[in-house]
Structure formats: structure tokens, C-alpha cells
Protein backbone atom coordinates (compact mmCIF):
# COMPACT_ATOMS: atom_id res chain seq x y z
CA MET A 1 -175.14 -228.07 59.91
CA LEU A 2 -176.14 -228.92 56.36
CA ILE A 3 -174.33 -231.52 54.25
CA ALA A 4 -175.69 -232.16 50.77
CA GLY A 5 -173.98 -235.01 48.94
CA PHE A 6 -174.51 -236.77 45.65
CA PRO A 7 -172.62 -239.34 43.51
CA ALA A 8 -171.43 -237.91 40.19
CA GLY A 9 -170.12 -239.13 36.88
CA ALA A 10 -168.81 -242.39 35.53
CA TRP A 11 -167.15 -243.38 38.81
CA GLY A 12 -169.98 -242.40 41.17
CA THR A 13 -167.70 -240.04 43.07
CA ASN A 14 -169.32 -238.42 46.07
CA CYS A 15 -169.39 -234.62 45.94
CA TYR A 16 -170.36 -232.78 49.12
CA LEU A 17 -171.59 -229.27 49.86
CA VAL A 18 -171.14 -228.30 53.51
CA ALA A 19 -172.69 -225.26 55.21
CA PRO A 20 -173.75 -224.12 58.68
CA ALA A 21 -177.34 -224.09 57.43
CA ALA A 22 -179.47 -223.51 54.35
CA GLY A 23 -179.17 -220.00 52.94
CA GLU A 24 -175.56 -219.53 54.05
CA GLU A 25 -172.04 -219.85 52.65
CA CYS A 26 -170.74 -223.32 51.83
CA VAL A 27 -167.65 -225.35 50.97
CA ILE A 28 -167.67 -227.79 48.04
CA ILE A 29 -165.68 -231.00 48.46
CA ASP A 30 -164.49 -233.01 45.42
CA PRO A 31 -166.51 -231.77 42.42
CA GLY A 32 -165.51 -234.58 40.09
CA HIS A 33 -166.56 -235.92 36.71
CA GLN A 34 -169.91 -234.44 35.60
CA ALA A 35 -170.49 -232.88 39.03
CA ALA A 36 -171.04 -229.26 37.94
CA GLU A 37 -174.75 -229.63 37.21
CA GLY A 38 -175.39 -231.40 40.52
CA VAL A 39 -173.47 -228.69 42.36
CA GLU A 40 -175.60 -225.97 40.80
CA GLU A 41 -178.80 -227.85 41.62
CA ALA A 42 -177.76 -228.26 45.27
CA LEU A 43 -176.72 -224.60 45.54
CA LYS A 44 -180.10 -223.49 44.23
CA LYS A 45 -182.10 -225.96 46.34
CA HIS A 46 -180.42 -224.97 49.59
CA ARG A 47 -179.76 -221.29 48.68
CA LEU A 48 -176.02 -221.63 49.26
CA LYS A 49 -173.11 -219.38 48.29
CA PRO A 50 -169.79 -221.21 47.69
CA VAL A 51 -166.63 -219.73 49.19
CA ALA A 52 -164.14 -222.51 48.31
CA VAL A 53 -163.57 -225.90 46.73
CA VAL A 54 -161.45 -228.35 48.73
CA LEU A 55 -160.03 -231.55 47.26
CA THR A 56 -159.16 -234.82 48.98
CA HIS A 57 -156.79 -235.76 46.13
CA GLY A 58 -156.02 -235.11 42.50
CA HIS A 59 -157.56 -238.03 40.60
CA ILE A 60 -159.72 -236.90 37.71
CA ASP A 61 -162.87 -238.48 39.18
CA HIS A 62 -162.53 -236.00 42.08
CA VAL A 63 -161.32 -232.85 40.28
CA ALA A 64 -162.82 -232.90 36.78
CA SER A 65 -165.35 -230.15 37.52
CA VAL A 66 -163.04 -227.90 39.56
CA VAL A 67 -162.40 -225.42 36.73
CA PRO A 68 -166.06 -224.80 35.80
CA VAL A 69 -167.25 -224.75 39.43
CA CYS A 70 -164.52 -222.39 40.63
CA GLY A 71 -164.90 -220.23 37.52
CA ALA A 72 -168.66 -219.91 37.86
CA HIS A 73 -168.41 -218.69 41.45
CA ASP A 74 -164.95 -217.06 41.52
CA VAL A 75 -163.70 -219.18 44.41
CA PRO A 76 -160.31 -220.81 45.13
CA ALA A 77 -159.49 -224.51 45.07
CA TRP A 78 -157.41 -226.12 47.81
CA ILE A 79 -155.27 -229.22 47.11
CA HIS A 80 -152.14 -230.86 48.51
CA PRO A 81 -149.03 -229.82 46.51
CA GLU A 82 -148.08 -233.43 45.69
CA ASP A 83 -151.35 -233.93 43.80
CA ARG A 84 -151.63 -230.51 42.19
CA TYR A 85 -150.07 -231.65 38.89
CA MET A 86 -153.00 -233.99 38.21
CA MET A 87 -155.40 -231.11 37.61
CA SER A 88 -153.48 -230.19 34.45
CA ASP A 89 -152.20 -233.67 33.54
CA PRO A 90 -154.78 -236.25 34.67
CA GLU A 91 -153.30 -239.12 32.66
CA LYS A 92 -150.23 -239.13 34.92
CA GLY A 93 -152.46 -239.86 37.87
CA ILE A 94 -153.74 -243.12 36.44
CA GLY A 95 -150.75 -244.23 34.38
CA ARG A 96 -152.56 -244.34 31.05
CA SER A 97 -154.72 -242.31 28.70
CA ILE A 98 -158.31 -242.10 29.92
CA GLY A 99 -159.62 -241.97 26.37
CA MET A 100 -160.67 -239.33 23.90
CA PRO A 101 -164.46 -239.57 24.46
CA LEU A 102 -164.05 -238.92 28.18
CA MET A 103 -161.36 -236.31 27.71
CA GLY A 104 -163.69 -234.44 25.37
CA GLU A 105 -166.07 -233.84 28.29
CA LEU A 106 -163.43 -232.48 30.68
CA THR A 107 -161.99 -229.04 31.27
CA VAL A 108 -158.41 -229.96 32.09
CA GLY A 109 -156.31 -227.42 33.93
CA GLU A 110 -156.19 -225.33 37.08
CA PRO A 111 -158.68 -222.69 38.21
CA ASP A 112 -157.38 -219.14 38.55
CA ASP A 113 -156.80 -219.42 42.31
CA VAL A 114 -155.14 -222.59 43.66
CA ARG A 115 -154.07 -222.84 47.29
CA GLU A 116 -152.03 -225.65 48.79
CA LEU A 117 -152.98 -227.80 51.78
CA GLY A 118 -150.55 -229.02 54.42
CA ASP A 119 -150.72 -231.67 57.11
CA GLY A 120 -152.22 -230.31 60.31
CA ALA A 121 -153.66 -227.22 58.67
CA ARG A 122 -156.92 -225.76 59.91
CA LEU A 123 -159.23 -224.24 57.36
CA GLN A 124 -161.87 -221.81 58.56
CA LEU A 125 -164.27 -221.47 55.68
CA ALA A 126 -167.96 -220.57 55.50
CA GLY A 127 -168.08 -220.38 59.30
CA LEU A 128 -166.87 -223.98 59.57
CA ASP A 129 -163.64 -225.54 60.84
CA PHE A 130 -161.86 -228.27 58.87
CA SER A 131 -158.76 -230.05 60.19
CA VAL A 132 -156.51 -231.32 57.40
CA ALA A 133 -154.53 -234.56 57.66
CA HIS A 134 -152.09 -235.67 54.98
CA ALA A 135 -152.98 -239.31 54.30
CA PRO A 136 -150.88 -240.78 51.45
CA GLY A 137 -151.47 -244.27 50.16
CA HIS A 138 -154.10 -243.83 47.47
CA THR A 139 -152.06 -240.93 46.07
CA LYS A 140 -149.04 -239.13 47.46
CA GLY A 141 -151.06 -235.99 48.11
CA SER A 142 -154.25 -237.49 49.55
CA VAL A 143 -155.73 -235.60 52.49
CA THR A 144 -158.73 -235.93 54.77
CA PHE A 145 -160.92 -233.25 56.31
CA GLN A 146 -162.40 -233.53 59.79
CA MET A 147 -165.03 -231.29 61.34
CA PRO A 148 -165.20 -231.24 65.14
CA GLU A 149 -168.08 -232.47 67.25
CA ALA A 150 -170.51 -229.68 68.05
CA ALA A 151 -173.45 -229.80 70.47
CA ASP A 152 -175.43 -232.91 69.53
CA ILE A 153 -173.71 -233.28 66.15
CA PRO A 154 -170.93 -235.91 65.97
CA SER A 155 -167.61 -235.22 64.31
CA VAL A 156 -167.68 -235.62 60.52
CA PHE A 157 -164.72 -237.09 58.66
CA PHE A 158 -164.39 -236.62 54.89
CA SER A 159 -162.07 -239.52 54.10
CA GLY A 160 -161.71 -239.19 50.33
CA ASP A 161 -160.39 -242.50 49.00
CA LEU A 162 -158.53 -243.40 52.19
CA LEU A 163 -161.38 -245.24 53.92
CA PHE A 164 -164.62 -246.65 52.53
CA ALA A 165 -167.46 -248.56 54.13
CA GLY A 166 -165.91 -252.05 54.31
CA SER A 167 -162.81 -251.26 52.27
CA ILE A 168 -160.08 -248.77 51.39
CA GLY A 169 -158.85 -246.96 48.28
CA ARG A 170 -156.84 -248.80 45.68
CA THR A 171 -153.06 -248.51 45.78
CA ASP A 172 -152.11 -249.83 42.33
CA LEU A 173 -152.10 -246.49 40.47
CA PRO A 174 -149.12 -244.11 40.18
CA GLY A 175 -148.33 -242.66 43.59
CA GLY A 176 -150.22 -245.39 45.42
CA ASP A 177 -148.46 -247.41 48.10
CA MET A 178 -149.92 -250.01 50.47
CA ASP A 179 -147.37 -249.33 53.21
CA ASP A 180 -148.32 -245.64 53.12
CA MET A 181 -152.01 -246.56 53.09
CA LEU A 182 -151.73 -248.73 56.19
CA GLU A 183 -149.69 -246.08 57.98
CA SER A 184 -152.30 -243.44 57.13
CA LEU A 185 -155.13 -245.66 58.33
CA GLY A 186 -153.38 -246.16 61.64
CA ARG A 187 -152.30 -242.56 62.13
CA VAL A 188 -155.38 -240.76 60.80
CA CYS A 189 -158.37 -243.08 61.27
CA LEU A 190 -157.73 -245.24 64.33
CA PRO A 191 -157.48 -242.33 66.82
CA LEU A 192 -160.92 -241.01 65.85
CA ASP A 193 -163.91 -241.58 68.12
CA ASP A 194 -166.24 -244.43 67.21
CA SER A 195 -169.09 -241.96 66.79
CA THR A 196 -167.27 -240.09 64.01
CA VAL A 197 -169.35 -240.09 60.82
CA VAL A 198 -167.32 -241.10 57.74
CA LEU A 199 -168.28 -239.55 54.41
CA SER A 200 -166.02 -241.10 51.82
CA GLY A 201 -165.19 -240.51 48.19
CA HIS A 202 -167.28 -243.46 47.01
CA GLY A 203 -170.07 -245.51 48.50
CA PRO A 204 -172.31 -245.10 51.54
CA GLN A 205 -171.88 -243.28 54.82
CA THR A 206 -170.40 -245.21 57.74
CA THR A 207 -168.81 -244.56 61.14
CA ILE A 208 -165.36 -245.13 62.56
CA GLY A 209 -166.86 -247.53 65.10
CA GLN A 210 -168.45 -249.61 62.35
CA GLU A 211 -165.21 -249.71 60.37
CA ARG A 212 -163.10 -250.44 63.44
CA ALA A 213 -165.29 -253.49 64.09
CA THR A 214 -165.78 -254.80 60.55
CA ASN A 215 -163.36 -253.28 58.02
CA PRO A 216 -160.65 -255.91 57.38
CA TYR A 217 -157.98 -253.31 56.63
CA LEU A 218 -158.64 -251.20 59.71
CA ARG A 219 -158.78 -254.35 61.84
CA GLN A 220 -155.49 -255.47 60.32
CA VAL A 221 -153.82 -252.19 61.22
CA ALA A 222 -155.29 -252.19 64.73
CA ALA A 223 -153.95 -255.70 65.25
CA GLY A 224 -150.47 -254.62 64.15
CA GLN A 225 -150.48 -256.86 61.10
CA GLY A 226 -149.55 -254.20 58.55
CA ALA A 227 -147.02 -256.49 56.87
CA GLN A 228 -149.77 -258.76 55.55
CA HIS A 229 -150.60 -256.79 52.42
CA GLN A 230 -153.80 -257.29 50.48
CA GLN A 231 -155.08 -255.33 47.50
CA ALA A 232 -158.32 -253.51 48.12
CA PRO A 233 -161.24 -254.16 45.74
CA ARG A 234 -161.39 -251.48 43.08
CA ARG A 235 -163.78 -248.63 43.80
CA GLY A 236 -163.62 -245.36 41.92
CA MET A 237 -160.31 -244.54 40.21
């Protein structure tokens, strides 16, 4: 399996291209602010053909390049219905205007083909299997994507802004909710094997085992202390 990832734009949002191998079809995950050029470079380097864009949530730092990327390759975008509105109205997702200079660099709106994700869905794209889990907390429509273990390759978990190395996504923007976040961490993350590789929306790669042992929020949920709310450090949007 090939996973090519790079941080893009003002928020350093991780964009991933996932394929069975170089020279094959691929799926693009979260092409955010200023990600289009990096996507094209990765496609050329690895000789990949996109078949879909899938989105962990609707914040502008994760979807800003969806229109140009989908348009350039005539592929659909998948997003949870509760976050779909943010593609056309990004200010609502952050509760304020994000500023004219930044807005001038964005192509706001939906691509021609938008498909909606549901909890428990299985996407079979580019010869790969992705299990979808609805994981609200950062936004109402946040989802994660998990790829199963195969041969000597551990399971890979694209966590979006649910789980980071050492932290979690912020919950102080419209649609965010700490109770939902803690419930999602317990329901979606804790059952995963320790060997599961976590590729998040911001920051470095980690594993579920590492986060289970050291992440204060995951430890809090595992200990049944969900009522003791803390605000996560800000990372991304």
C-alpha cells in the first residue's frame, strides 16, 4: 500500500493520497487550503489516478481545495451530510469571517458530484476498503476512515481532527461539543488495536497504543472520567 501525505496551507492540514501501489488508482483525503499543487505533485511523482476525494469534516482547512481537485480529475467528493453546508458557506463553520485576503485564494462551493457518508458505511474505492465511523465532537459531521489490517501491514486509521498525537481536536467552534468528542473517542478510538497507525488531520503519525498510554484525553475516557472536561490545545481550525 502507498500513502503519500503532506501538510498544506496556513493551518498545516495533512492531505493524504492512498493507493494500493504506485501507478494505480488512488483516493485523496482532505485536500485543504493550498493543497491542490501538492496533490498534483504527488499524483505525478507516484503516477496515480484519483477516483474520489473523501473528507473527514467540513472545515475550510480540510476542504478548501475540493473544487479544483475534483474538477481537474472529474471525481466525486464524499462528506457527511451534517458538514456539507460548510463547503459553500465556510464562515458558518468557524463562527466568524475568515478574512478577505484568505477568501480571495479559495474556491468556495461544491464540486459537481457530492456524495454523503453515513456511520458504518464501507467505501470500496481504488481497490481499497474504508470503514466510515461518524465521530462528532469537533464538528457535527466529523467522520473517520479505517483501513483493515492486511498481511504484514497494520490497520490505518485516518482520524481527521478527532484524535491527534498527544491531543484532540478543538471543540469551541460552531458544532463542536466536548461531550460528543469524549463519546466519539470512547466509541471509535478505544476499541481499535494498539498497533493501529493513526494518521490525523494535523501533526505527526502515531498509534492507538501510544495514545492509549499517553494521550490525556484518551486516558480520561478509558478511566471513565468523561465528566472532567478540559479544552484541548488549539491545532488547526
